[in-house]
PDB file of N, CA and C in Angstrom:
ATOM      1  N   MET A   1    -113.536 -39.448  -0.875  1.00  0.00           N
ATOM      2  CA  MET A   1    -113.227 -40.024  -2.497  1.00  0.00           C
ATOM      3  C   MET A   1    -112.406 -40.858  -1.852  1.00  0.00           C
ATOM      4  N   ALA A   2    -112.538 -42.013  -2.666  1.00  0.00           N
ATOM      5  CA  ALA A   2    -111.424 -43.516  -1.793  1.00  0.00           C
ATOM      6  C   ALA A   2    -110.333 -43.244  -3.149  1.00  0.00           C
ATOM      7  N   ILE A   3    -109.244 -43.443  -2.136  1.00  0.00           N
ATOM      8  CA  ILE A   3    -107.781 -43.554  -3.192  1.00  0.00           C
ATOM      9  C   ILE A   3    -107.208 -44.516  -3.951  1.00  0.00           C
ATOM     10  N   ASP A   4    -106.678 -44.443  -5.116  1.00  0.00           N
ATOM     11  CA  ASP A   4    -106.688 -45.184  -5.806  1.00  0.00           C
ATOM     12  C   ASP A   4    -105.144 -46.328  -5.081  1.00  0.00           C
ATOM     13  N   PRO A   5    -105.785 -47.661  -4.435  1.00  0.00           N
ATOM     14  CA  PRO A   5    -104.170 -48.056  -3.909  1.00  0.00           C
ATOM     15  C   PRO A   5    -102.756 -48.127  -4.486  1.00  0.00           C
ATOM     16  N   ARG A   6    -103.404 -48.279  -5.970  1.00  0.00           N
ATOM     17  CA  ARG A   6    -101.721 -48.525  -6.872  1.00  0.00           C
ATOM     18  C   ARG A   6    -101.267 -46.892  -6.946  1.00  0.00           C
ATOM     19  N   ALA A   7    -102.093 -46.086  -7.005  1.00  0.00           N
ATOM     20  CA  ALA A   7    -101.327 -44.662  -6.383  1.00  0.00           C
ATOM     21  C   ALA A   7    -100.461 -44.007  -5.673  1.00  0.00           C
ATOM     22  N   ALA A   8    -101.438 -45.289  -4.394  1.00  0.00           N
ATOM     23  CA  ALA A   8    -100.994 -44.564  -2.967  1.00  0.00           C
ATOM     24  C   ALA A   8     -99.497 -45.399  -2.994  1.00  0.00           C
ATOM     25  N   LEU A   9     -99.569 -46.891  -3.720  1.00  0.00           N
ATOM     26  CA  LEU A   9     -98.225 -47.344  -3.400  1.00  0.00           C
ATOM     27  C   LEU A   9     -96.862 -47.061  -4.122  1.00  0.00           C
ATOM     28  N   ASP A  10     -97.440 -45.945  -5.629  1.00  0.00           N
ATOM     29  CA  ASP A  10     -96.796 -45.557  -6.142  1.00  0.00           C
ATOM     30  C   ASP A  10     -95.955 -44.371  -5.253  1.00  0.00           C
ATOM     31  N   ARG A  11     -96.547 -43.536  -4.949  1.00  0.00           N
ATOM     32  CA  ARG A  11     -95.796 -42.749  -3.686  1.00  0.00           C
ATOM     33  C   ARG A  11     -95.343 -43.232  -2.402  1.00  0.00           C
ATOM     34  N   LEU A  12     -95.775 -44.052  -2.410  1.00  0.00           N
ATOM     35  CA  LEU A  12     -95.330 -44.927  -1.002  1.00  0.00           C
ATOM     36  C   LEU A  12     -93.608 -44.966  -1.286  1.00  0.00           C
ATOM     37  N   ILE A  13     -93.435 -45.727  -2.766  1.00  0.00           N
ATOM     38  CA  ILE A  13     -92.712 -46.353  -2.995  1.00  0.00           C
ATOM     39  C   ILE A  13     -91.497 -44.820  -3.564  1.00  0.00           C
ATOM     40  N   ALA A  14     -91.940 -44.152  -3.836  1.00  0.00           N
ATOM     41  CA  ALA A  14     -91.548 -42.396  -3.854  1.00  0.00           C
ATOM     42  C   ALA A  14     -90.606 -42.454  -2.817  1.00  0.00           C
ATOM     43  N   ALA A  15     -91.443 -42.201  -1.719  1.00  0.00           N
ATOM     44  CA  ALA A  15     -91.697 -41.699  -0.113  1.00  0.00           C
ATOM     45  C   ALA A  15     -89.990 -42.418   0.120  1.00  0.00           C
ATOM     46  N   LEU A  16     -89.982 -44.044   0.034  1.00  0.00           N
ATOM     47  CA  LEU A  16     -88.807 -44.616   0.520  1.00  0.00           C
ATOM     48  C   LEU A  16     -87.745 -44.230   0.070  1.00  0.00           C
ATOM     49  N   GLU A  17     -87.917 -43.868  -1.586  1.00  0.00           N
ATOM     50  CA  GLU A  17     -86.868 -43.360  -2.145  1.00  0.00           C
ATOM     51  C   GLU A  17     -86.253 -42.120  -1.566  1.00  0.00           C
ATOM     52  N   ALA A  18     -87.129 -41.658  -1.626  1.00  0.00           N
ATOM     53  CA  ALA A  18     -86.633 -40.005  -0.745  1.00  0.00           C
ATOM     54  C   ALA A  18     -86.122 -40.086   0.423  1.00  0.00           C
ATOM     55  N   HIS A  19     -86.530 -41.051   1.322  1.00  0.00           N
ATOM     56  CA  HIS A  19     -86.085 -41.111   2.753  1.00  0.00           C
ATOM     57  C   HIS A  19     -84.714 -41.830   2.633  1.00  0.00           C
ATOM     58  N   TYR A  20     -84.567 -42.781   2.014  1.00  0.00           N
ATOM     59  CA  TYR A  20     -83.097 -43.590   1.894  1.00  0.00           C
ATOM     60  C   TYR A  20     -82.038 -42.716   1.514  1.00  0.00           C
ATOM     61  N   THR A  21     -82.902 -41.427   0.288  1.00  0.00           N
ATOM     62  CA  THR A  21     -82.065 -40.416  -0.122  1.00  0.00           C
ATOM     63  C   THR A  21     -81.253 -39.709   0.794  1.00  0.00           C
ATOM     64  N   ALA A  22     -81.990 -39.152   1.609  1.00  0.00           N
ATOM     65  CA  ALA A  22     -81.896 -37.828   3.035  1.00  0.00           C
ATOM     66  C   ALA A  22     -81.120 -38.484   4.230  1.00  0.00           C
ATOM     67  N   VAL A  23     -81.351 -40.029   4.187  1.00  0.00           N
ATOM     68  CA  VAL A  23     -80.460 -40.639   5.065  1.00  0.00           C
ATOM     69  C   VAL A  23     -79.280 -41.135   5.101  1.00  0.00           C
ATOM     70  N   SER A  24     -79.151 -41.138   3.386  1.00  0.00           N
ATOM     71  CA  SER A  24     -77.867 -41.950   3.072  1.00  0.00           C
ATOM     72  C   SER A  24     -76.791 -40.911   2.255  1.00  0.00           C
ATOM     73  N   THR A  25     -77.360 -39.454   2.452  1.00  0.00           N
ATOM     74  CA  THR A  25     -76.470 -37.996   2.500  1.00  0.00           C
ATOM     75  C   THR A  25     -76.141 -37.637   3.514  1.00  0.00           C
ATOM     76  N   PRO A  26     -74.833 -37.461   3.504  1.00  0.00           N
ATOM     77  CA  PRO A  26     -74.267 -36.864   4.638  1.00  0.00           C
ATOM     78  C   PRO A  26     -75.300 -35.329   5.519  1.00  0.00           C
ATOM     79  N   HIS A  27     -74.910 -35.357   6.473  1.00  0.00           N
ATOM     80  CA  HIS A  27     -75.853 -34.491   7.122  1.00  0.00           C
ATOM     81  C   HIS A  27     -75.398 -34.746   8.893  1.00  0.00           C
ATOM     82  N   GLY A  28     -76.384 -33.480   9.284  1.00  0.00           N
ATOM     83  CA  GLY A  28     -75.968 -33.341  10.931  1.00  0.00           C
ATOM     84  C   GLY A  28     -76.899 -34.277  11.504  1.00  0.00           C
ATOM     85  N   ASP A  29     -76.893 -34.335  13.177  1.00  0.00           N
ATOM     86  CA  ASP A  29     -77.605 -35.034  13.637  1.00  0.00           C
ATOM     87  C   ASP A  29     -79.102 -34.814  13.400  1.00  0.00           C
ATOM     88  N   ASP A  30     -79.777 -33.079  13.639  1.00  0.00           N
ATOM     89  CA  ASP A  30     -80.841 -32.684  13.354  1.00  0.00           C
ATOM     90  C   ASP A  30     -81.145 -32.068  11.832  1.00  0.00           C
ATOM     91  N   ASP A  31     -80.874 -33.209  10.854  1.00  0.00           N
ATOM     92  CA  ASP A  31     -81.481 -32.994   9.624  1.00  0.00           C
ATOM     93  C   ASP A  31     -82.803 -32.360   8.971  1.00  0.00           C
ATOM     94  N   PRO A  32     -83.218 -31.393   8.660  1.00  0.00           N
ATOM     95  CA  PRO A  32     -84.456 -31.455   8.621  1.00  0.00           C
ATOM     96  C   PRO A  32     -85.031 -31.847   7.582  1.00  0.00           C
ATOM     97  N   ALA A  33     -84.090 -31.769   6.325  1.00  0.00           N
ATOM     98  CA  ALA A  33     -84.260 -32.909   5.260  1.00  0.00           C
ATOM     99  C   ALA A  33     -84.809 -34.470   5.456  1.00  0.00           C
ATOM    100  N   VAL A  34     -84.008 -34.971   6.759  1.00  0.00           N
ATOM    101  CA  VAL A  34     -84.339 -36.455   7.096  1.00  0.00           C
ATOM    102  C   VAL A  34     -85.778 -36.549   7.770  1.00  0.00           C
ATOM    103  N   ASP A  35     -85.851 -35.642   9.028  1.00  0.00           N
ATOM    104  CA  ASP A  35     -87.244 -35.373   8.927  1.00  0.00           C
ATOM    105  C   ASP A  35     -88.275 -35.087   8.225  1.00  0.00           C
ATOM    106  N   ASP A  36     -87.961 -34.713   7.348  1.00  0.00           N
ATOM    107  CA  ASP A  36     -89.121 -34.167   6.637  1.00  0.00           C
ATOM    108  C   ASP A  36     -89.516 -35.420   5.694  1.00  0.00           C
ATOM    109  N   ALA A  37     -88.333 -36.337   5.474  1.00  0.00           N
ATOM    110  CA  ALA A  37     -88.569 -37.180   4.148  1.00  0.00           C
ATOM    111  C   ALA A  37     -89.481 -38.141   5.375  1.00  0.00           C
ATOM    112  N   TYR A  38     -88.859 -38.748   6.625  1.00  0.00           N
ATOM    113  CA  TYR A  38     -89.684 -39.510   7.616  1.00  0.00           C
ATOM    114  C   TYR A  38     -91.248 -38.885   7.760  1.00  0.00           C
ATOM    115  N   ASP A  39     -91.389 -38.049   7.788  1.00  0.00           N
ATOM    116  CA  ASP A  39     -93.267 -37.655   8.195  1.00  0.00           C
ATOM    117  C   ASP A  39     -93.574 -37.760   6.590  1.00  0.00           C
ATOM    118  N   VAL A  40     -93.128 -37.849   5.375  1.00  0.00           N
ATOM    119  CA  VAL A  40     -93.404 -37.893   3.968  1.00  0.00           C
ATOM    120  C   VAL A  40     -93.727 -39.616   3.747  1.00  0.00           C
ATOM    121  N   LEU A  41     -92.707 -40.049   4.183  1.00  0.00           N
ATOM    122  CA  LEU A  41     -92.804 -41.337   4.403  1.00  0.00           C
ATOM    123  C   LEU A  41     -93.659 -42.533   5.356  1.00  0.00           C
ATOM    124  N   ALA A  42     -93.749 -41.421   6.556  1.00  0.00           N
ATOM    125  CA  ALA A  42     -95.268 -42.237   7.240  1.00  0.00           C
ATOM    126  C   ALA A  42     -96.011 -41.537   6.854  1.00  0.00           C
ATOM    127  N   ASP A  43     -96.729 -40.700   6.397  1.00  0.00           N
ATOM    128  CA  ASP A  43     -97.850 -40.069   5.695  1.00  0.00           C
ATOM    129  C   ASP A  43     -98.590 -41.315   4.528  1.00  0.00           C
ATOM    130  N   ALA A  44     -97.425 -41.422   3.547  1.00  0.00           N
ATOM    131  CA  ALA A  44     -97.461 -42.098   2.496  1.00  0.00           C
ATOM    132  C   ALA A  44     -97.789 -43.838   2.655  1.00  0.00           C
ATOM    133  N   PHE A  45     -97.243 -44.487   3.780  1.00  0.00           N
ATOM    134  CA  PHE A  45     -97.132 -45.550   4.386  1.00  0.00           C
ATOM    135  C   PHE A  45     -98.860 -45.607   4.688  1.00  0.00           C
ATOM    136  N   GLU A  46     -99.756 -44.493   5.458  1.00  0.00           N
ATOM    137  CA  GLU A  46    -100.646 -44.502   6.500  1.00  0.00           C
ATOM    138  C   GLU A  46    -101.780 -44.390   4.816  1.00  0.00           C
ATOM    139  N   VAL A  47    -101.806 -43.523   4.618  1.00  0.00           N
ATOM    140  CA  VAL A  47    -102.300 -43.647   3.112  1.00  0.00           C
ATOM    141  C   VAL A  47    -102.648 -44.608   2.297  1.00  0.00           C
ATOM    142  N   TYR A  48    -101.307 -45.592   2.075  1.00  0.00           N
ATOM    143  CA  TYR A  48    -101.588 -46.423   1.141  1.00  0.00           C
ATOM    144  C   TYR A  48    -102.078 -47.767   2.293  1.00  0.00           C
ATOM    145  N   ASP A  49    -101.789 -48.119   3.556  1.00  0.00           N
ATOM    146  CA  ASP A  49    -102.657 -48.454   4.220  1.00  0.00           C
ATOM    147  C   ASP A  49    -104.365 -48.626   4.171  1.00  0.00           C
ATOM    148  N   ASP A  50    -104.246 -47.473   4.459  1.00  0.00           N
ATOM    149  CA  ASP A  50    -105.624 -47.410   4.306  1.00  0.00           C
ATOM    150  C   ASP A  50    -106.672 -47.223   2.734  1.00  0.00           C
ATOM    151  N   ALA A  51    -105.812 -46.961   1.893  1.00  0.00           N
ATOM    152  CA  ALA A  51    -106.356 -47.273   0.526  1.00  0.00           C
ATOM    153  C   ALA A  51    -106.731 -48.680  -0.079  1.00  0.00           C
ATOM    154  N   LEU A  52    -105.692 -49.960   0.805  1.00  0.00           N
ATOM    155  CA  LEU A  52    -105.519 -51.198   0.971  1.00  0.00           C
ATOM    156  C   LEU A  52    -107.057 -51.831   1.724  1.00  0.00           C
ATOM    157  N   GLY A  53    -107.084 -50.914   2.656  1.00  0.00           N
ATOM    158  CA  GLY A  53    -108.347 -51.228   3.651  1.00  0.00           C
ATOM    159  C   GLY A  53    -109.726 -51.147   2.754  1.00  0.00           C
ATOM    160  N   ALA A  54    -109.405 -49.787   2.370  1.00  0.00           N
ATOM    161  CA  ALA A  54    -110.543 -49.330   1.641  1.00  0.00           C
ATOM    162  C   ALA A  54    -111.205 -50.161   0.487  1.00  0.00           C
ATOM    163  N   GLU A  55    -110.198 -50.396  -0.452  1.00  0.00           N
ATOM    164  CA  GLU A  55    -110.650 -51.025  -1.783  1.00  0.00           C
ATOM    165  C   GLU A  55    -110.652 -52.853  -1.387  1.00  0.00           C
ATOM    166  N   TYR A  56    -109.630 -53.164  -0.523  1.00  0.00           N
ATOM    167  CA  TYR A  56    -109.720 -54.820  -0.674  1.00  0.00           C
ATOM    168  C   TYR A  56    -109.889 -55.189   0.466  1.00  0.00           C
ATOM    169  N   GLY A  57    -110.367 -54.238   1.588  1.00  0.00           N
ATOM    170  CA  GLY A  57    -110.588 -55.047   3.149  1.00  0.00           C
ATOM    171  C   GLY A  57    -109.259 -55.763   3.990  1.00  0.00           C
ATOM    172  N   GLU A  58    -108.072 -55.365   2.982  1.00  0.00           N
ATOM    173  CA  GLU A  58    -106.952 -56.029   3.495  1.00  0.00           C
ATOM    174  C   GLU A  58    -105.605 -54.713   4.170  1.00  0.00           C
ATOM    175  N   ALA A  59    -104.360 -55.209   4.899  1.00  0.00           N
ATOM    176  CA  ALA A  59    -103.846 -53.846   5.432  1.00  0.00           C
ATOM    177  C   ALA A  59    -102.383 -55.224   5.556  1.00  0.00           C
ATOM    178  N   THR A  60    -101.385 -54.005   5.520  1.00  0.00           N
ATOM    179  CA  THR A  60     -99.937 -53.958   5.838  1.00  0.00           C
ATOM    180  C   THR A  60     -99.862 -55.019   6.938  1.00  0.00           C
ATOM    181  N   PRO A  61     -98.637 -55.381   7.352  1.00  0.00           N
ATOM    182  CA  PRO A  61     -98.575 -56.703   8.264  1.00  0.00           C
ATOM    183  C   PRO A  61     -97.244 -55.036   9.406  1.00  0.00           C
ATOM    184  N   PHE A  62     -97.923 -53.925   8.743  1.00  0.00           N
ATOM    185  CA  PHE A  62     -96.700 -52.997   9.607  1.00  0.00           C
ATOM    186  C   PHE A  62     -97.382 -52.051  10.654  1.00  0.00           C
ATOM    187  N   TYR A  63     -96.868 -51.523  11.268  1.00  0.00           N
ATOM    188  CA  TYR A  63     -97.906 -50.635  12.294  1.00  0.00           C
ATOM    189  C   TYR A  63     -96.572 -49.616  12.472  1.00  0.00           C
ATOM    190  N   LEU A  64     -97.361 -48.038  12.373  1.00  0.00           N
ATOM    191  CA  LEU A  64     -96.442 -47.106  12.756  1.00  0.00           C
ATOM    192  C   LEU A  64     -96.297 -46.669  14.398  1.00  0.00           C
ATOM    193  N   ALA A  65     -94.753 -46.591  15.061  1.00  0.00           N
ATOM    194  CA  ALA A  65     -94.922 -46.246  16.343  1.00  0.00           C
ATOM    195  C   ALA A  65     -95.239 -44.838  16.519  1.00  0.00           C
ATOM    196  N   GLU A  66     -96.125 -44.561  17.869  1.00  0.00           N
ATOM    197  CA  GLU A  66     -96.709 -43.339  18.011  1.00  0.00           C
ATOM    198  C   GLU A  66     -95.587 -42.481  18.031  1.00  0.00           C
ATOM    199  N   ASP A  67     -95.413 -41.642  17.978  1.00  0.00           N
ATOM    200  CA  ASP A  67     -94.958 -40.346  17.924  1.00  0.00           C
ATOM    201  C   ASP A  67     -95.348 -39.384  19.745  1.00  0.00           C
ATOM    202  N   ASP A  68     -94.479 -40.007  20.868  1.00  0.00           N
ATOM    203  CA  ASP A  68     -95.027 -39.614  21.703  1.00  0.00           C
ATOM    204  C   ASP A  68     -93.705 -38.972  22.486  1.00  0.00           C
ATOM    205  N   GLU A  69     -93.728 -37.728  22.439  1.00  0.00           N
ATOM    206  CA  GLU A  69     -92.347 -37.094  23.436  1.00  0.00           C
ATOM    207  C   GLU A  69     -92.322 -37.498  24.737  1.00  0.00           C
ATOM    208  N   ASP A  70     -93.145 -38.274  25.350  1.00  0.00           N
ATOM    209  CA  ASP A  70     -93.391 -39.088  26.657  1.00  0.00           C
ATOM    210  C   ASP A  70     -92.371 -39.734  26.417  1.00  0.00           C
ATOM    211  N   ASP A  71     -92.341 -40.611  25.586  1.00  0.00           N
ATOM    212  CA  ASP A  71     -91.723 -41.997  25.131  1.00  0.00           C
ATOM    213  C   ASP A  71     -90.235 -41.529  25.690  1.00  0.00           C
ATOM    214  N   ASP A  72     -89.314 -40.569  25.154  1.00  0.00           N
ATOM    215  CA  ASP A  72     -88.386 -40.423  25.237  1.00  0.00           C
ATOM    216  C   ASP A  72     -88.032 -40.255  26.411  1.00  0.00           C
ATOM    217  N   ASP A  73     -88.754 -39.963  27.072  1.00  0.00           N
ATOM    218  CA  ASP A  73     -87.999 -39.422  29.025  1.00  0.00           C
ATOM    219  C   ASP A  73     -88.074 -40.786  29.659  1.00  0.00           C
ATOM    220  N   HIS A  74     -89.564 -41.713  29.252  1.00  0.00           N
ATOM    221  CA  HIS A  74     -89.438 -43.239  29.570  1.00  0.00           C
ATOM    222  C   HIS A  74     -88.243 -43.728  28.693  1.00  0.00           C
ATOM    223  N   ASP A  75     -87.638 -43.581  27.954  1.00  0.00           N
ATOM    224  CA  ASP A  75     -86.652 -44.516  27.706  1.00  0.00           C
ATOM    225  C   ASP A  75     -85.741 -44.483  28.671  1.00  0.00           C
ATOM    226  N   ASP A  76     -85.343 -43.329  28.530  1.00  0.00           N
ATOM    227  CA  ASP A  76     -84.313 -42.645  29.686  1.00  0.00           C
ATOM    228  C   ASP A  76     -84.041 -43.388  31.086  1.00  0.00           C
ATOM    229  N   GLU A  77     -85.021 -43.292  31.713  1.00  0.00           N
ATOM    230  CA  GLU A  77     -85.648 -43.999  33.024  1.00  0.00           C
ATOM    231  C   GLU A  77     -85.459 -45.553  32.778  1.00  0.00           C
ATOM    232  N   HIS A  78     -85.124 -46.352  31.675  1.00  0.00           N
ATOM    233  CA  HIS A  78     -84.965 -47.777  31.484  1.00  0.00           C
ATOM    234  C   HIS A  78     -84.074 -48.187  30.866  1.00  0.00           C
ATOM    235  N   GLU A  79     -83.015 -47.008  30.440  1.00  0.00           N
ATOM    236  CA  GLU A  79     -81.946 -46.959  29.920  1.00  0.00           C
ATOM    237  C   GLU A  79     -81.093 -48.690  29.766  1.00  0.00           C
ATOM    238  N   ASP A  80     -80.823 -48.682  31.395  1.00  0.00           N
ATOM    239  CA  ASP A  80     -80.056 -49.802  31.603  1.00  0.00           C
ATOM    240  C   ASP A  80     -80.485 -51.141  31.764  1.00  0.00           C
ATOM    241  N   GLU A  81     -81.981 -51.202  31.766  1.00  0.00           N
ATOM    242  CA  GLU A  81     -83.241 -52.301  31.981  1.00  0.00           C
ATOM    243  C   GLU A  81     -82.809 -53.210  30.514  1.00  0.00           C
ATOM    244  N   ASP A  82     -82.473 -54.581  31.086  1.00  0.00           N
ATOM    245  CA  ASP A  82     -82.302 -55.554  29.729  1.00  0.00           C
ATOM    246  C   ASP A  82     -83.236 -55.623  28.919  1.00  0.00           C
ATOM    247  N   ASP A  83     -83.364 -55.839  27.715  1.00  0.00           N
ATOM    248  CA  ASP A  83     -84.324 -55.993  26.471  1.00  0.00           C
ATOM    249  C   ASP A  83     -84.796 -57.127  25.988  1.00  0.00           C
ATOM    250  N   GLU A  84     -83.856 -58.064  26.586  1.00  0.00           N
ATOM    251  CA  GLU A  84     -84.503 -59.570  25.935  1.00  0.00           C
ATOM    252  C   GLU A  84     -85.507 -59.815  26.784  1.00  0.00           C
ATOM    253  N   TYR A  85     -86.290 -60.638  26.156  1.00  0.00           N
ATOM    254  CA  TYR A  85     -87.466 -60.958  26.702  1.00  0.00           C
ATOM    255  C   TYR A  85     -87.290 -62.497  27.687  1.00  0.00           C
ATOM    256  N   ASP A  86     -87.873 -62.771  28.811  1.00  0.00           N
ATOM    257  CA  ASP A  86     -87.610 -63.886  29.294  1.00  0.00           C
ATOM    258  C   ASP A  86     -88.764 -65.193  28.988  1.00  0.00           C
ATOM    259  N   ALA A  87     -88.408 -65.830  28.752  1.00  0.00           N
ATOM    260  CA  ALA A  87     -89.674 -67.145  27.878  1.00  0.00           C
ATOM    261  C   ALA A  87     -90.502 -67.521  28.666  1.00  0.00           C
ATOM    262  N   ASP A  88     -90.692 -66.898  30.209  1.00  0.00           N
ATOM    263  CA  ASP A  88     -91.959 -67.192  30.726  1.00  0.00           C
ATOM    264  C   ASP A  88     -92.643 -65.817  30.734  1.00  0.00           C
ATOM    265  N   ASP A  89     -92.524 -64.709  30.278  1.00  0.00           N
ATOM    266  CA  ASP A  89     -93.354 -64.243  30.116  1.00  0.00           C
ATOM    267  C   ASP A  89     -93.883 -64.245  27.983  1.00  0.00           C
ATOM    268  N   LEU A  90     -93.633 -64.777  27.629  1.00  0.00           N
ATOM    269  CA  LEU A  90     -94.592 -65.252  26.526  1.00  0.00           C
ATOM    270  C   LEU A  90     -95.655 -66.094  26.709  1.00  0.00           C
ATOM    271  N   PRO A  91     -96.620 -66.033  25.567  1.00  0.00           N
ATOM    272  CA  PRO A  91     -98.267 -66.211  25.607  1.00  0.00           C
ATOM    273  C   PRO A  91     -97.855 -67.577  25.176  1.00  0.00           C
ATOM    274  N   GLY A  92     -98.680 -68.285  25.937  1.00  0.00           N
ATOM    275  CA  GLY A  92     -99.288 -69.803  25.370  1.00  0.00           C
ATOM    276  C   GLY A  92     -98.563 -70.602  26.255  1.00  0.00           C
ATOM    277  N   GLU A  93     -97.716 -71.688  26.061  1.00  0.00           N
ATOM    278  CA  GLU A  93     -96.872 -72.854  26.577  1.00  0.00           C
ATOM    279  C   GLU A  93     -96.226 -71.973  28.021  1.00  0.00           C
ATOM    280  N   SER A  94     -96.337 -72.695  28.440  1.00  0.00           N
ATOM    281  CA  SER A  94     -95.427 -72.652  29.234  1.00  0.00           C
ATOM    282  C   SER A  94     -93.708 -72.988  29.467  1.00  0.00           C
ATOM    283  N   TYR A  95     -92.666 -72.352  29.542  1.00  0.00           N
ATOM    284  CA  TYR A  95     -91.656 -72.808  29.144  1.00  0.00           C
ATOM    285  C   TYR A  95     -90.768 -73.216  30.114  1.00  0.00           C
ATOM    286  N   ASP A  96     -89.545 -74.364  30.502  1.00  0.00           N
ATOM    287  CA  ASP A  96     -88.915 -74.690  31.089  1.00  0.00           C
ATOM    288  C   ASP A  96     -87.630 -75.146  30.926  1.00  0.00           C
ATOM    289  N   ASP A  97     -86.578 -74.470  31.673  1.00  0.00           N
ATOM    290  CA  ASP A  97     -85.108 -75.050  31.565  1.00  0.00           C
ATOM    291  C   ASP A  97     -85.024 -76.189  31.052  1.00  0.00           C
ATOM    292  N   GLU A  98     -85.271 -77.049  31.534  1.00  0.00           N
ATOM    293  CA  GLU A  98     -85.085 -78.595  30.904  1.00  0.00           C
ATOM    294  C   GLU A  98     -85.203 -78.492  29.735  1.00  0.00           C
ATOM    295  N   ASP A  99     -86.363 -77.626  29.316  1.00  0.00           N
ATOM    296  CA  ASP A  99     -86.399 -78.566  27.936  1.00  0.00           C
ATOM    297  C   ASP A  99     -85.260 -77.578  27.012  1.00  0.00           C
ATOM    298  N   ASP A 100     -84.036 -76.483  27.140  1.00  0.00           N
ATOM    299  CA  ASP A 100     -83.284 -76.147  26.897  1.00  0.00           C
ATOM    300  C   ASP A 100     -82.142 -76.732  26.612  1.00  0.00           C
ATOM    301  N   ASP A 101     -82.195 -77.614  28.056  1.00  0.00           N
ATOM    302  CA  ASP A 101     -80.944 -79.189  28.315  1.00  0.00           C
ATOM    303  C   ASP A 101     -81.101 -79.770  27.183  1.00  0.00           C
ATOM    304  N   ALA A 102     -82.296 -80.408  26.446  1.00  0.00           N
ATOM    305  CA  ALA A 102     -82.316 -81.421  25.378  1.00  0.00           C
ATOM    306  C   ALA A 102     -82.228 -80.564  23.948  1.00  0.00           C
ATOM    307  N   LEU A 103     -82.312 -79.150  23.858  1.00  0.00           N
ATOM    308  CA  LEU A 103     -81.797 -78.684  22.881  1.00  0.00           C
ATOM    309  C   LEU A 103     -80.306 -78.136  22.789  1.00  0.00           C
ATOM    310  N   HIS A 104     -80.086 -78.316  23.759  1.00  0.00           N
ATOM    311  CA  HIS A 104     -78.139 -77.561  23.483  1.00  0.00           C
ATOM    312  C   HIS A 104     -77.511 -78.621  24.502  1.00  0.00           C
ATOM    313  N   PRO A 105     -77.103 -80.193  24.029  1.00  0.00           N
ATOM    314  CA  PRO A 105     -76.578 -81.057  25.304  1.00  0.00           C
ATOM    315  C   PRO A 105     -75.233 -80.466  25.529  1.00  0.00           C
TER     316      PRO A 105
END
């Protein structure tokens, strides 16, 4: 049974409001209300995105991060690494420092 995209959007908006309320209310570090609101929001987003795809063949430009507990361990290992991208790592044209000199006299 296909889900009405408008109904899914209404649910997503309500989930966004509930998430905002949960995070903006004073709470402890591991408040279950925040975790629950996060889960409801993620679910509402997926339902909305799926409904758009089923009804209109379209999608939102957003993606949910995979919730993988192994990522926490991986992040700790690389905590001190620089998060900035190097222009040499970008796809497409190659960039060199001479171009930077022309932009920054």
